[in-house]
Amino acid sequence: MKLQRLSKSILTSGVVGLMLATAAVANTVPLKVSPNAPADKPDIFANGEVDIAVVRQLNTGDVYQEWIAGVEEEAERLGAKLTIYNADGDNAKQALQLQQAVSTQPDAILIGWGFGDSLKAGLDAAKAAGIPVVTSNASVEASDVVTNVNQSDKLMMRGIVDKFAMDFGDKPVEGEVIYVYVAGYLPLDLRNEVWMEFQEENPGIKQVAQIGVVNANTAAQTADQAKAALSANPNVIAIIAPYDEFTKGATLAIQELGLEDKVKAYGMDISTADIAVMTAENSPWVATATTDMRNFGRVSLRVAAGEVADSYEGNDLLIPPLVITREELIEAGVQNVEELPKKFPGLQTPGLAEAPWMKK
């Protein structure tokens, strides 16, 4: 897929952070607004009577703070009250919190990140209680009671590898690269499928090392691994690092070894901290594929509210990404994520999953 302009929306026909584990997709049906959706704002929203529980597995860091900020903004706009549970990355804690949320009988539950296995008991309880569930970046199978809202991970990955290929100009796409990947996380697994395809399409690319770790110190430990891999492979021309914590670690390693003029980093996601890294003088982080996490939060809450008002058909929604380059950020003078929507309006999807009553 050729990118006519790298910041143009990469649209699907039919999702920074990570979706966790492997999710089945056999039961997914693209979500769309129902022709029978209410035209006027339902009384329960107009009267502020809707309660939505938000159960987050991950909540520390720019990506997750932007997501919850979007959730809160859309809840206020639509007239929904929130009860927010933060699991601090603890799967057992999130599982317990989900069951606690079910016991309070909210009108809907929004899950941010999480493992399908650990959430199963709570999801079963929500189903038994007739409570609709919406997930964002969680490995939960879509069903008649669960609606998934995700980034289009394959398109995000295709965007950055296409940018990598375009940077060769008219020359053959070839050279040694380091790849950052940890199996078992659904978005990374989906992105990896595209990476495998890209290597088949470009046999001149030689992956000389695979590194990666996902924990509380992802960036720092990825940097340590990248430095070792770069030292062992002096002919590397790029690090493909499709998660912003990976990319920050890769960038740090390149800088600490003084290889900015030789090795470039291609990443994913965006935050204020990421923008600072990308736009820093001589930064090797040259491109990122991303959605706007605040917009992601708004869309996720919108879908949860829409489920309360029986506004949709289907159970699976993908948010289209953009590819944004370092040069574009510098040219636009963007310094934080709050400025991004003004300079890159394609990151905003105000009409996505918007039922008629929501416009009022």
Foldseek 3Di string as FASTA:
>chain_A
DDDPDQQFWPDDVQAQPFAFFAADEPAFHRKDWDPPFDQAQDPCQVVLNAEEEEQELDQDDQLNVLLVLLLVVLCVLRRYHYDYHYNNNDQLSSLVVLLVVLVVPGQAYEYEHHEQVSNVVSVVSCVVSVHAYEYESYRHYWDPRYFYHYAPLCSQLVSLVSVLCCVCPPDANAWEEEEEADPRTHSRVSSVVNVVVSCVVRVRYHHPYYHFDDDPQGLQVLLVVLLVVCVVPVGHQEYEEEHLSNQNSNQVNCVVVVNLVRYAYEYEEDFLVSLCQLQPPSGRHFKYKYARSSLSSNVRSLVRVSVSSVTMDTRYHYQIIGMDTSVLCVVVVDNGSVCVCVSSVSSHDVPVSDGNNSVD
